[in-house]
Amino acid sequence: MQSTFATNVYHIASKIPKGKVATYKQLATLAGKPKAARAVGMLMKHNPDKTIVPCHRVVGSNGKLTGYTFGNGIQAKKLLLKEEGVDFTKNNVNLTTSLWKTN
């Protein structure tokens, strides 16, 4: 059985639209635990259904692509994000244009 935090994180992450990304810290904050970014990372790693929770749309606070357990790892994550229209500056997501605004 999932914790309330895990359920909240997966629910929030499921709302990230195509062409946008969220940060691990952003999801932790939205789920009520702003210091739990690493826990969010672990939840994304153990994502039970990538068709419902688009874990590839979660990146580091600096736009860096971090672990991805599907396909060819980071390369697969980058390809998926590019296909969805996420902007990159070199190898990092351009958070100025691609960060999900939750207002």
PDB file of N, CA and C in Angstrom:
ATOM      1  N   MET A   1       0.840  -1.181   0.000  1.00  0.00           N
ATOM      2  CA  MET A   1       0.000   0.000   0.000  1.00  0.00           C
ATOM      3  C   MET A   1       0.888   1.248   0.000  1.00  0.00           C
ATOM      4  N   GLN A   2       0.545   2.228  -0.829  1.00  0.00           N
ATOM      5  CA  GLN A   2       1.322   3.459  -0.940  1.00  0.00           C
ATOM      6  C   GLN A   2       1.012   4.409   0.208  1.00  0.00           C
ATOM      7  N   SER A   3       2.015   5.195   0.560  1.00  0.00           N
ATOM      8  CA  SER A   3       1.801   6.238   1.559  1.00  0.00           C
ATOM      9  C   SER A   3       0.977   7.363   0.934  1.00  0.00           C
ATOM     10  N   THR A   4       0.427   8.212   1.767  1.00  0.00           N
ATOM     11  CA  THR A   4      -0.311   9.379   1.281  1.00  0.00           C
ATOM     12  C   THR A   4       0.608  10.269   0.464  1.00  0.00           C
ATOM     13  N   PHE A   5       1.856  10.430   0.905  1.00  0.00           N
ATOM     14  CA  PHE A   5       2.816  11.245   0.167  1.00  0.00           C
ATOM     15  C   PHE A   5       3.020  10.679  -1.233  1.00  0.00           C
ATOM     16  N   ALA A   6       3.245   9.393  -1.339  1.00  0.00           N
ATOM     17  CA  ALA A   6       3.453   8.753  -2.646  1.00  0.00           C
ATOM     18  C   ALA A   6       2.227   8.935  -3.530  1.00  0.00           C
ATOM     19  N   THR A   7       1.061   8.712  -2.978  1.00  0.00           N
ATOM     20  CA  THR A   7      -0.178   8.883  -3.740  1.00  0.00           C
ATOM     21  C   THR A   7      -0.297  10.309  -4.247  1.00  0.00           C
ATOM     22  N   ASN A   8       0.006  11.283  -3.393  1.00  0.00           N
ATOM     23  CA  ASN A   8      -0.057  12.696  -3.785  1.00  0.00           C
ATOM     24  C   ASN A   8       0.949  13.006  -4.890  1.00  0.00           C
ATOM     25  N   VAL A   9       2.177  12.518  -4.738  1.00  0.00           N
ATOM     26  CA  VAL A   9       3.213  12.785  -5.739  1.00  0.00           C
ATOM     27  C   VAL A   9       2.810  12.204  -7.093  1.00  0.00           C
ATOM     28  N   TYR A  10       2.361  10.965  -7.103  1.00  0.00           N
ATOM     29  CA  TYR A  10       1.960  10.348  -8.373  1.00  0.00           C
ATOM     30  C   TYR A  10       0.774  11.090  -8.991  1.00  0.00           C
ATOM     31  N   HIS A  11      -0.167  11.513  -8.161  1.00  0.00           N
ATOM     32  CA  HIS A  11      -1.324  12.252  -8.672  1.00  0.00           C
ATOM     33  C   HIS A  11      -0.896  13.591  -9.280  1.00  0.00           C
ATOM     34  N   ILE A  12      -0.048  14.312  -8.578  1.00  0.00           N
ATOM     35  CA  ILE A  12       0.426  15.610  -9.074  1.00  0.00           C
ATOM     36  C   ILE A  12       1.239  15.422 -10.354  1.00  0.00           C
ATOM     37  N   ALA A  13       2.137  14.462 -10.353  1.00  0.00           N
ATOM     38  CA  ALA A  13       2.983  14.215 -11.527  1.00  0.00           C
ATOM     39  C   ALA A  13       2.147  13.821 -12.741  1.00  0.00           C
ATOM     40  N   SER A  14       1.031  13.154 -12.515  1.00  0.00           N
ATOM     41  CA  SER A  14       0.177  12.746 -13.634  1.00  0.00           C
ATOM     42  C   SER A  14      -0.424  13.942 -14.362  1.00  0.00           C
ATOM     43  N   LYS A  15      -0.389  15.109 -13.739  1.00  0.00           N
ATOM     44  CA  LYS A  15      -0.969  16.331 -14.315  1.00  0.00           C
ATOM     45  C   LYS A  15       0.028  17.142 -15.152  1.00  0.00           C
ATOM     46  N   ILE A  16       1.311  16.776 -15.128  1.00  0.00           N
ATOM     47  CA  ILE A  16       2.314  17.535 -15.891  1.00  0.00           C
ATOM     48  C   ILE A  16       1.992  17.385 -17.378  1.00  0.00           C
ATOM     49  N   PRO A  17       1.717  18.494 -18.056  1.00  0.00           N
ATOM     50  CA  PRO A  17       1.327  18.393 -19.469  1.00  0.00           C
ATOM     51  C   PRO A  17       2.510  18.132 -20.399  1.00  0.00           C
ATOM     52  N   LYS A  18       2.206  17.608 -21.574  1.00  0.00           N
ATOM     53  CA  LYS A  18       3.227  17.423 -22.601  1.00  0.00           C
ATOM     54  C   LYS A  18       3.854  18.769 -22.912  1.00  0.00           C
ATOM     55  N   GLY A  19       5.161  18.751 -23.137  1.00  0.00           N
ATOM     56  CA  GLY A  19       5.875  19.982 -23.453  1.00  0.00           C
ATOM     57  C   GLY A  19       6.329  20.764 -22.238  1.00  0.00           C
ATOM     58  N   LYS A  20       6.026  20.256 -21.043  1.00  0.00           N
ATOM     59  CA  LYS A  20       6.431  20.909 -19.793  1.00  0.00           C
ATOM     60  C   LYS A  20       7.112  19.897 -18.895  1.00  0.00           C
ATOM     61  N   VAL A  21       7.879  20.400 -17.943  1.00  0.00           N
ATOM     62  CA  VAL A  21       8.518  19.545 -16.943  1.00  0.00           C
ATOM     63  C   VAL A  21       8.272  20.130 -15.561  1.00  0.00           C
ATOM     64  N   ALA A  22       8.437  19.300 -14.562  1.00  0.00           N
ATOM     65  CA  ALA A  22       8.426  19.732 -13.165  1.00  0.00           C
ATOM     66  C   ALA A  22       9.751  19.285 -12.561  1.00  0.00           C
ATOM     67  N   THR A  23      10.139  19.912 -11.477  1.00  0.00           N
ATOM     68  CA  THR A  23      11.348  19.483 -10.784  1.00  0.00           C
ATOM     69  C   THR A  23      10.958  18.567  -9.624  1.00  0.00           C
ATOM     70  N   TYR A  24      11.930  17.790  -9.176  1.00  0.00           N
ATOM     71  CA  TYR A  24      11.691  16.912  -8.033  1.00  0.00           C
ATOM     72  C   TYR A  24      11.278  17.755  -6.821  1.00  0.00           C
ATOM     73  N   LYS A  25      11.957  18.867  -6.628  1.00  0.00           N
ATOM     74  CA  LYS A  25      11.642  19.745  -5.499  1.00  0.00           C
ATOM     75  C   LYS A  25      10.244  20.337  -5.644  1.00  0.00           C
ATOM     76  N   GLN A  26       9.878  20.724  -6.846  1.00  0.00           N
ATOM     77  CA  GLN A  26       8.551  21.283  -7.086  1.00  0.00           C
ATOM     78  C   GLN A  26       7.473  20.263  -6.705  1.00  0.00           C
ATOM     79  N   LEU A  27       7.644  19.019  -7.123  1.00  0.00           N
ATOM     80  CA  LEU A  27       6.665  17.990  -6.778  1.00  0.00           C
ATOM     81  C   LEU A  27       6.619  17.736  -5.277  1.00  0.00           C
ATOM     82  N   ALA A  28       7.787  17.712  -4.643  1.00  0.00           N
ATOM     83  CA  ALA A  28       7.831  17.518  -3.190  1.00  0.00           C
ATOM     84  C   ALA A  28       7.077  18.637  -2.485  1.00  0.00           C
ATOM     85  N   THR A  29       7.296  19.862  -2.923  1.00  0.00           N
ATOM     86  CA  THR A  29       6.630  21.015  -2.319  1.00  0.00           C
ATOM     87  C   THR A  29       5.118  20.936  -2.531  1.00  0.00           C
ATOM     88  N   LEU A  30       4.706  20.642  -3.739  1.00  0.00           N
ATOM     89  CA  LEU A  30       3.274  20.539  -4.036  1.00  0.00           C
ATOM     90  C   LEU A  30       2.604  19.420  -3.247  1.00  0.00           C
ATOM     91  N   ALA A  31       3.379  18.377  -2.925  1.00  0.00           N
ATOM     92  CA  ALA A  31       2.838  17.254  -2.149  1.00  0.00           C
ATOM     93  C   ALA A  31       2.924  17.496  -0.647  1.00  0.00           C
ATOM     94  N   GLY A  32       3.424  18.672  -0.249  1.00  0.00           N
ATOM     95  CA  GLY A  32       3.436  19.030   1.168  1.00  0.00           C
ATOM     96  C   GLY A  32       4.714  18.746   1.922  1.00  0.00           C
ATOM     97  N   LYS A  33       5.771  18.301   1.244  1.00  0.00           N
ATOM     98  CA  LYS A  33       7.039  18.008   1.907  1.00  0.00           C
ATOM     99  C   LYS A  33       8.183  18.602   1.094  1.00  0.00           C
ATOM    100  N   PRO A  34       8.406  19.919   1.229  1.00  0.00           N
ATOM    101  CA  PRO A  34       9.390  20.599   0.380  1.00  0.00           C
ATOM    102  C   PRO A  34      10.816  20.072   0.460  1.00  0.00           C
ATOM    103  N   LYS A  35      11.159  19.368   1.504  1.00  0.00           N
ATOM    104  CA  LYS A  35      12.528  18.843   1.635  1.00  0.00           C
ATOM    105  C   LYS A  35      12.647  17.388   1.184  1.00  0.00           C
ATOM    106  N   ALA A  36      11.624  16.889   0.514  1.00  0.00           N
ATOM    107  CA  ALA A  36      11.605  15.471   0.150  1.00  0.00           C
ATOM    108  C   ALA A  36      11.858  15.229  -1.336  1.00  0.00           C
ATOM    109  N   ALA A  37      12.689  16.062  -1.952  1.00  0.00           N
ATOM    110  CA  ALA A  37      12.968  15.899  -3.385  1.00  0.00           C
ATOM    111  C   ALA A  37      13.578  14.531  -3.692  1.00  0.00           C
ATOM    112  N   ARG A  38      14.451  14.043  -2.841  1.00  0.00           N
ATOM    113  CA  ARG A  38      15.059  12.723  -3.077  1.00  0.00           C
ATOM    114  C   ARG A  38      14.017  11.612  -3.001  1.00  0.00           C
ATOM    115  N   ALA A  39      13.067  11.777  -2.100  1.00  0.00           N
ATOM    116  CA  ALA A  39      11.989  10.782  -2.000  1.00  0.00           C
ATOM    117  C   ALA A  39      11.154  10.792  -3.277  1.00  0.00           C
ATOM    118  N   VAL A  40      10.936  11.962  -3.841  1.00  0.00           N
ATOM    119  CA  VAL A  40      10.224  12.054  -5.113  1.00  0.00           C
ATOM    120  C   VAL A  40      11.010  11.313  -6.193  1.00  0.00           C
ATOM    121  N   GLY A  41      12.322  11.482  -6.186  1.00  0.00           N
ATOM    122  CA  GLY A  41      13.164  10.773  -7.142  1.00  0.00           C
ATOM    123  C   GLY A  41      13.001   9.263  -7.033  1.00  0.00           C
ATOM    124  N   MET A  42      12.961   8.767  -5.814  1.00  0.00           N
ATOM    125  CA  MET A  42      12.773   7.327  -5.615  1.00  0.00           C
ATOM    126  C   MET A  42      11.387   6.880  -6.095  1.00  0.00           C
ATOM    127  N   LEU A  43      10.388   7.709  -5.856  1.00  0.00           N
ATOM    128  CA  LEU A  43       9.043   7.375  -6.331  1.00  0.00           C
ATOM    129  C   LEU A  43       8.997   7.327  -7.857  1.00  0.00           C
ATOM    130  N   MET A  44       9.680   8.273  -8.493  1.00  0.00           N
ATOM    131  CA  MET A  44       9.709   8.259  -9.953  1.00  0.00           C
ATOM    132  C   MET A  44      10.439   7.022 -10.466  1.00  0.00           C
ATOM    133  N   LYS A  45      11.496   6.629  -9.749  1.00  0.00           N
ATOM    134  CA  LYS A  45      12.254   5.428 -10.132  1.00  0.00           C
ATOM    135  C   LYS A  45      11.373   4.180 -10.070  1.00  0.00           C
ATOM    136  N   HIS A  46      10.467   4.159  -9.112  1.00  0.00           N
ATOM    137  CA  HIS A  46       9.592   2.995  -8.911  1.00  0.00           C
ATOM    138  C   HIS A  46       8.175   3.251  -9.403  1.00  0.00           C
ATOM    139  N   ASN A  47       8.049   4.153 -10.347  1.00  0.00           N
ATOM    140  CA  ASN A  47       6.759   4.506 -10.929  1.00  0.00           C
ATOM    141  C   ASN A  47       6.024   3.240 -11.384  1.00  0.00           C
ATOM    142  N   PRO A  48       4.823   2.992 -10.855  1.00  0.00           N
ATOM    143  CA  PRO A  48       4.116   1.764 -11.210  1.00  0.00           C
ATOM    144  C   PRO A  48       3.512   1.769 -12.620  1.00  0.00           C
ATOM    145  N   ASP A  49       3.315   2.940 -13.220  1.00  0.00           N
ATOM    146  CA  ASP A  49       2.695   2.980 -14.544  1.00  0.00           C
ATOM    147  C   ASP A  49       3.069   4.266 -15.274  1.00  0.00           C
ATOM    148  N   LYS A  50       4.048   4.168 -16.170  1.00  0.00           N
ATOM    149  CA  LYS A  50       4.520   5.366 -16.867  1.00  0.00           C
ATOM    150  C   LYS A  50       3.501   5.917 -17.850  1.00  0.00           C
ATOM    151  N   THR A  51       2.460   5.161 -18.171  1.00  0.00           N
ATOM    152  CA  THR A  51       1.413   5.702 -19.042  1.00  0.00           C
ATOM    153  C   THR A  51       0.493   6.651 -18.285  1.00  0.00           C
ATOM    154  N   ILE A  52       0.439   6.515 -16.973  1.00  0.00           N
ATOM    155  CA  ILE A  52      -0.384   7.403 -16.142  1.00  0.00           C
ATOM    156  C   ILE A  52       0.473   8.503 -15.530  1.00  0.00           C
ATOM    157  N   VAL A  53       1.649   8.147 -15.049  1.00  0.00           N
ATOM    158  CA  VAL A  53       2.559   9.102 -14.406  1.00  0.00           C
ATOM    159  C   VAL A  53       3.763   9.304 -15.324  1.00  0.00           C
ATOM    160  N   PRO A  54       3.826  10.454 -16.005  1.00  0.00           N
ATOM    161  CA  PRO A  54       4.917  10.701 -16.954  1.00  0.00           C
ATOM    162  C   PRO A  54       6.210  11.093 -16.237  1.00  0.00           C
ATOM    163  N   CYS A  55       6.859  10.120 -15.623  1.00  0.00           N
ATOM    164  CA  CYS A  55       8.042  10.389 -14.807  1.00  0.00           C
ATOM    165  C   CYS A  55       9.191  10.982 -15.624  1.00  0.00           C
ATOM    166  N   HIS A  56       9.168  10.810 -16.932  1.00  0.00           N
ATOM    167  CA  HIS A  56      10.225  11.405 -17.765  1.00  0.00           C
ATOM    168  C   HIS A  56      10.138  12.933 -17.758  1.00  0.00           C
ATOM    169  N   ARG A  57       9.019  13.481 -17.311  1.00  0.00           N
ATOM    170  CA  ARG A  57       8.833  14.936 -17.270  1.00  0.00           C
ATOM    171  C   ARG A  57       9.302  15.549 -15.951  1.00  0.00           C
ATOM    172  N   VAL A  58      10.012  14.780 -15.144  1.00  0.00           N
ATOM    173  CA  VAL A  58      10.526  15.289 -13.867  1.00  0.00           C
ATOM    174  C   VAL A  58      12.043  15.386 -13.980  1.00  0.00           C
ATOM    175  N   VAL A  59      12.567  16.580 -13.672  1.00  0.00           N
ATOM    176  CA  VAL A  59      13.998  16.865 -13.852  1.00  0.00           C
ATOM    177  C   VAL A  59      14.556  17.538 -12.601  1.00  0.00           C
ATOM    178  N   GLY A  60      15.870  17.693 -12.578  1.00  0.00           N
ATOM    179  CA  GLY A  60      16.528  18.379 -11.477  1.00  0.00           C
ATOM    180  C   GLY A  60      16.191  19.867 -11.447  1.00  0.00           C
ATOM    181  N   SER A  61      16.422  20.508 -10.329  1.00  0.00           N
ATOM    182  CA  SER A  61      16.110  21.932 -10.155  1.00  0.00           C
ATOM    183  C   SER A  61      16.915  22.839 -11.072  1.00  0.00           C
ATOM    184  N   ASN A  62      17.997  22.312 -11.629  1.00  0.00           N
ATOM    185  CA  ASN A  62      18.819  23.086 -12.563  1.00  0.00           C
ATOM    186  C   ASN A  62      18.534  22.701 -14.018  1.00  0.00           C
ATOM    187  N   GLY A  63      17.499  21.887 -14.226  1.00  0.00           N
ATOM    188  CA  GLY A  63      17.143  21.442 -15.569  1.00  0.00           C
ATOM    189  C   GLY A  63      17.888  20.204 -16.025  1.00  0.00           C
ATOM    190  N   LYS A  64      18.754  19.688 -15.168  1.00  0.00           N
ATOM    191  CA  LYS A  64      19.547  18.512 -15.533  1.00  0.00           C
ATOM    192  C   LYS A  64      18.666  17.264 -15.561  1.00  0.00           C
ATOM    193  N   LEU A  65      18.915  16.429 -16.565  1.00  0.00           N
ATOM    194  CA  LEU A  65      18.215  15.157 -16.648  1.00  0.00           C
ATOM    195  C   LEU A  65      18.911  14.180 -15.722  1.00  0.00           C
ATOM    196  N   THR A  66      18.138  13.576 -14.856  1.00  0.00           N
ATOM    197  CA  THR A  66      18.694  12.596 -13.930  1.00  0.00           C
ATOM    198  C   THR A  66      18.046  11.252 -14.217  1.00  0.00           C
ATOM    199  N   GLY A  67      18.419  10.249 -13.472  1.00  0.00           N
ATOM    200  CA  GLY A  67      18.024   8.876 -13.705  1.00  0.00           C
ATOM    201  C   GLY A  67      16.678   8.645 -14.361  1.00  0.00           C
ATOM    202  N   TYR A  68      16.665   7.683 -15.247  1.00  0.00           N
ATOM    203  CA  TYR A  68      15.435   7.260 -15.919  1.00  0.00           C
ATOM    204  C   TYR A  68      15.568   5.772 -16.146  1.00  0.00           C
ATOM    205  N   THR A  69      14.610   5.005 -15.647  1.00  0.00           N
ATOM    206  CA  THR A  69      14.757   3.554 -15.636  1.00  0.00           C
ATOM    207  C   THR A  69      14.145   2.845 -16.842  1.00  0.00           C
ATOM    208  N   PHE A  70      13.568   3.601 -17.767  1.00  0.00           N
ATOM    209  CA  PHE A  70      12.956   2.973 -18.931  1.00  0.00           C
ATOM    210  C   PHE A  70      13.837   3.174 -20.157  1.00  0.00           C
ATOM    211  N   GLY A  71      13.713   2.288 -21.110  1.00  0.00           N
ATOM    212  CA  GLY A  71      14.452   2.429 -22.365  1.00  0.00           C
ATOM    213  C   GLY A  71      15.952   2.510 -22.136  1.00  0.00           C
ATOM    214  N   ASN A  72      16.588   3.464 -22.818  1.00  0.00           N
ATOM    215  CA  ASN A  72      18.033   3.663 -22.702  1.00  0.00           C
ATOM    216  C   ASN A  72      18.372   4.753 -21.696  1.00  0.00           C
ATOM    217  N   GLY A  73      17.669   4.801 -20.597  1.00  0.00           N
ATOM    218  CA  GLY A  73      17.968   5.744 -19.528  1.00  0.00           C
ATOM    219  C   GLY A  73      17.811   7.192 -19.949  1.00  0.00           C
ATOM    220  N   ILE A  74      18.806   8.009 -19.603  1.00  0.00           N
ATOM    221  CA  ILE A  74      18.779   9.455 -19.848  1.00  0.00           C
ATOM    222  C   ILE A  74      18.544   9.769 -21.331  1.00  0.00           C
ATOM    223  N   GLN A  75      19.144   8.983 -22.215  1.00  0.00           N
ATOM    224  CA  GLN A  75      18.953   9.223 -23.657  1.00  0.00           C
ATOM    225  C   GLN A  75      17.482   9.097 -24.033  1.00  0.00           C
ATOM    226  N   ALA A  76      16.807   8.088 -23.490  1.00  0.00           N
ATOM    227  CA  ALA A  76      15.379   7.889 -23.769  1.00  0.00           C
ATOM    228  C   ALA A  76      14.562   9.037 -23.204  1.00  0.00           C
ATOM    229  N   LYS A  77      14.925   9.482 -22.002  1.00  0.00           N
ATOM    230  CA  LYS A  77      14.224  10.593 -21.355  1.00  0.00           C
ATOM    231  C   LYS A  77      14.342  11.854 -22.213  1.00  0.00           C
ATOM    232  N   LYS A  78      15.544  12.156 -22.660  1.00  0.00           N
ATOM    233  CA  LYS A  78      15.769  13.350 -23.478  1.00  0.00           C
ATOM    234  C   LYS A  78      14.990  13.266 -24.784  1.00  0.00           C
ATOM    235  N   LEU A  79      15.011  12.120 -25.422  1.00  0.00           N
ATOM    236  CA  LEU A  79      14.292  11.948 -26.677  1.00  0.00           C
ATOM    237  C   LEU A  79      12.792  12.164 -26.483  1.00  0.00           C
ATOM    238  N   LEU A  80      12.229  11.569 -25.440  1.00  0.00           N
ATOM    239  CA  LEU A  80      10.802  11.743 -25.150  1.00  0.00           C
ATOM    240  C   LEU A  80      10.465  13.213 -24.935  1.00  0.00           C
ATOM    241  N   LEU A  81      11.284  13.902 -24.144  1.00  0.00           N
ATOM    242  CA  LEU A  81      11.025  15.314 -23.864  1.00  0.00           C
ATOM    243  C   LEU A  81      11.124  16.160 -25.129  1.00  0.00           C
ATOM    244  N   LYS A  82      12.135  15.892 -25.948  1.00  0.00           N
ATOM    245  CA  LYS A  82      12.281  16.635 -27.209  1.00  0.00           C
ATOM    246  C   LYS A  82      11.083  16.393 -28.129  1.00  0.00           C
ATOM    247  N   GLU A  83      10.626  15.152 -28.192  1.00  0.00           N
ATOM    248  CA  GLU A  83       9.464  14.825 -29.023  1.00  0.00           C
ATOM    249  C   GLU A  83       8.213  15.567 -28.555  1.00  0.00           C
ATOM    250  N   GLU A  84       8.148  15.862 -27.251  1.00  0.00           N
ATOM    251  CA  GLU A  84       7.001  16.569 -26.688  1.00  0.00           C
ATOM    252  C   GLU A  84       7.137  18.091 -26.788  1.00  0.00           C
ATOM    253  N   GLY A  85       8.295  18.557 -27.279  1.00  0.00           N
ATOM    254  CA  GLY A  85       8.473  19.997 -27.461  1.00  0.00           C
ATOM    255  C   GLY A  85       9.156  20.728 -26.324  1.00  0.00           C
ATOM    256  N   VAL A  86       9.771  19.994 -25.410  1.00  0.00           N
ATOM    257  CA  VAL A  86      10.499  20.632 -24.312  1.00  0.00           C
ATOM    258  C   VAL A  86      11.770  21.270 -24.879  1.00  0.00           C
ATOM    259  N   ASP A  87      12.039  22.503 -24.447  1.00  0.00           N
ATOM    260  CA  ASP A  87      13.221  23.242 -24.894  1.00  0.00           C
ATOM    261  C   ASP A  87      14.454  22.826 -24.096  1.00  0.00           C
ATOM    262  N   PHE A  88      15.575  22.734 -24.799  1.00  0.00           N
ATOM    263  CA  PHE A  88      16.851  22.396 -24.162  1.00  0.00           C
ATOM    264  C   PHE A  88      17.873  23.488 -24.425  1.00  0.00           C
ATOM    265  N   THR A  89      18.751  23.692 -23.468  1.00  0.00           N
ATOM    266  CA  THR A  89      19.942  24.505 -23.623  1.00  0.00           C
ATOM    267  C   THR A  89      21.098  23.551 -23.349  1.00  0.00           C
ATOM    268  N   LYS A  90      21.810  23.204 -24.404  1.00  0.00           N
ATOM    269  CA  LYS A  90      22.827  22.149 -24.347  1.00  0.00           C
ATOM    270  C   LYS A  90      22.140  20.868 -23.892  1.00  0.00           C
ATOM    271  N   ASN A  91      22.556  20.278 -22.785  1.00  0.00           N
ATOM    272  CA  ASN A  91      21.955  19.023 -22.336  1.00  0.00           C
ATOM    273  C   ASN A  91      20.929  19.183 -21.226  1.00  0.00           C
ATOM    274  N   ASN A  92      20.655  20.422 -20.827  1.00  0.00           N
ATOM    275  CA  ASN A  92      19.689  20.661 -19.758  1.00  0.00           C
ATOM    276  C   ASN A  92      18.392  21.227 -20.310  1.00  0.00           C
ATOM    277  N   VAL A  93      17.297  20.940 -19.620  1.00  0.00           N
ATOM    278  CA  VAL A  93      16.008  21.521 -19.977  1.00  0.00           C
ATOM    279  C   VAL A  93      16.063  23.019 -19.695  1.00  0.00           C
ATOM    280  N   ASN A  94      15.555  23.802 -20.603  1.00  0.00           N
ATOM    281  CA  ASN A  94      15.448  25.246 -20.402  1.00  0.00           C
ATOM    282  C   ASN A  94      14.216  25.475 -19.522  1.00  0.00           C
ATOM    283  N   LEU A  95      14.442  25.671 -18.234  1.00  0.00           N
ATOM    284  CA  LEU A  95      13.335  25.818 -17.294  1.00  0.00           C
ATOM    285  C   LEU A  95      12.583  27.133 -17.469  1.00  0.00           C
ATOM    286  N   THR A  96      13.209  28.123 -18.084  1.00  0.00           N
ATOM    287  CA  THR A  96      12.528  29.393 -18.324  1.00  0.00           C
ATOM    288  C   THR A  96      11.321  29.186 -19.236  1.00  0.00           C
ATOM    289  N   THR A  97      11.463  28.324 -20.216  1.00  0.00           N
ATOM    290  CA  THR A  97      10.371  28.108 -21.168  1.00  0.00           C
ATOM    291  C   THR A  97       9.590  26.823 -20.931  1.00  0.00           C
ATOM    292  N   SER A  98      10.188  25.849 -20.263  1.00  0.00           N
ATOM    293  CA  SER A  98       9.549  24.529 -20.175  1.00  0.00           C
ATOM    294  C   SER A  98       9.072  24.125 -18.794  1.00  0.00           C
ATOM    295  N   LEU A  99       9.305  24.946 -17.771  1.00  0.00           N
ATOM    296  CA  LEU A  99       8.854  24.575 -16.419  1.00  0.00           C
ATOM    297  C   LEU A  99       7.341  24.691 -16.319  1.00  0.00           C
ATOM    298  N   TRP A 100       6.726  23.679 -15.759  1.00  0.00           N
ATOM    299  CA  TRP A 100       5.280  23.627 -15.550  1.00  0.00           C
ATOM    300  C   TRP A 100       4.890  24.659 -14.499  1.00  0.00           C
ATOM    301  N   LYS A 101       4.005  25.542 -14.867  1.00  0.00           N
ATOM    302  CA  LYS A 101       3.472  26.533 -13.923  1.00  0.00           C
ATOM    303  C   LYS A 101       2.176  25.968 -13.353  1.00  0.00           C
ATOM    304  N   THR A 102       2.110  25.860 -12.049  1.00  0.00           N
ATOM    305  CA  THR A 102       0.972  25.179 -11.402  1.00  0.00           C
ATOM    306  C   THR A 102      -0.073  26.137 -10.853  1.00  0.00           C
ATOM    307  N   ASN A 103       0.038  27.399 -11.140  1.00  0.00           N
ATOM    308  CA  ASN A 103      -0.925  28.376 -10.578  1.00  0.00           C
ATOM    309  C   ASN A 103      -2.308  28.047 -11.012  1.00  0.00           C
TER     310      ASN A 103
END
